[in-house]
Amino acid sequence: MLINIENATEENVLDSKFTTAIENILRAFAERKHLIIAQKNSSIA
């Protein structure tokens, strides 16, 4: 699912499906970043 955050309207932001999608995207990026950081730390040690 692609979402253009720049064009988010008040109706979109109040829509639970829209906010859930944004949360899932941010969570996926955060999880990916943590995995990369963990891999770098383990390779150093």
C-alpha atoms as a PDB file:
ATOM      1  CA  MET A   1       0.000   0.000   0.000  1.00  0.00           C
ATOM      2  CA  LEU A   2       1.402   3.380  -1.006  1.00  0.00           C
ATOM      3  CA  ILE A   3       0.385   6.475   0.920  1.00  0.00           C
ATOM      4  CA  ASN A   4       1.273  10.050   0.033  1.00  0.00           C
ATOM      5  CA  ILE A   5       1.684  11.647   3.448  1.00  0.00           C
ATOM      6  CA  GLU A   6       2.151  15.127   1.948  1.00  0.00           C
ATOM      7  CA  ASN A   7      -1.419  15.069   0.642  1.00  0.00           C
ATOM      8  CA  ALA A   8      -2.961  13.705   3.830  1.00  0.00           C
ATOM      9  CA  THR A   9      -6.269  15.384   4.565  1.00  0.00           C
ATOM     10  CA  GLU A  10      -7.920  15.742   7.942  1.00  0.00           C
ATOM     11  CA  GLU A  11     -10.393  13.046   6.903  1.00  0.00           C
ATOM     12  CA  ASN A  12      -7.532  10.674   6.059  1.00  0.00           C
ATOM     13  CA  VAL A  13      -5.758  11.319   9.339  1.00  0.00           C
ATOM     14  CA  LEU A  14      -8.950  10.658  11.291  1.00  0.00           C
ATOM     15  CA  ASP A  15      -9.525   7.426   9.329  1.00  0.00           C
ATOM     16  CA  SER A  16      -8.267   4.524  11.435  1.00  0.00           C
ATOM     17  CA  LYS A  17      -7.171   2.560   8.357  1.00  0.00           C
ATOM     18  CA  PHE A  18      -4.951   5.448   7.241  1.00  0.00           C
ATOM     19  CA  THR A  19      -3.339   5.955  10.650  1.00  0.00           C
ATOM     20  CA  THR A  20      -2.888   2.203  11.100  1.00  0.00           C
ATOM     21  CA  ALA A  21      -1.126   2.037   7.739  1.00  0.00           C
ATOM     22  CA  ILE A  22       1.208   4.882   8.735  1.00  0.00           C
ATOM     23  CA  GLU A  23       1.946   3.202  12.076  1.00  0.00           C
ATOM     24  CA  ASN A  24       2.714  -0.081  10.326  1.00  0.00           C
ATOM     25  CA  ILE A  25       5.082   1.648   7.898  1.00  0.00           C
ATOM     26  CA  LEU A  26       6.928   3.411  10.717  1.00  0.00           C
ATOM     27  CA  ARG A  27       7.062   0.214  12.774  1.00  0.00           C
ATOM     28  CA  ALA A  28       8.488  -1.696   9.806  1.00  0.00           C
ATOM     29  CA  PHE A  29      11.204   0.933   9.306  1.00  0.00           C
ATOM     30  CA  ALA A  30      12.029   0.898  13.024  1.00  0.00           C
ATOM     31  CA  GLU A  31      12.246  -2.905  13.121  1.00  0.00           C
ATOM     32  CA  ARG A  32      14.446  -2.939  10.027  1.00  0.00           C
ATOM     33  CA  LYS A  33      16.762  -0.316  11.516  1.00  0.00           C
ATOM     34  CA  HIS A  34      17.092  -2.264  14.760  1.00  0.00           C
ATOM     35  CA  LEU A  35      17.933  -5.425  12.843  1.00  0.00           C
ATOM     36  CA  ILE A  36      20.656  -3.608  10.901  1.00  0.00           C
ATOM     37  CA  ILE A  37      22.081  -2.058  14.081  1.00  0.00           C
ATOM     38  CA  ALA A  38      22.058  -5.447  15.826  1.00  0.00           C
ATOM     39  CA  GLN A  39      23.905  -7.034  12.911  1.00  0.00           C
ATOM     40  CA  LYS A  40      26.556  -4.297  12.944  1.00  0.00           C
ATOM     41  CA  ASN A  41      27.036  -4.601  16.705  1.00  0.00           C
ATOM     42  CA  SER A  42      27.345  -8.379  16.576  1.00  0.00           C
ATOM     43  CA  SER A  43      29.907  -8.244  13.759  1.00  0.00           C
ATOM     44  CA  ILE A  44      32.043  -5.762  15.722  1.00  0.00           C
ATOM     45  CA  ALA A  45      32.008  -7.919  18.861  1.00  0.00           C
END
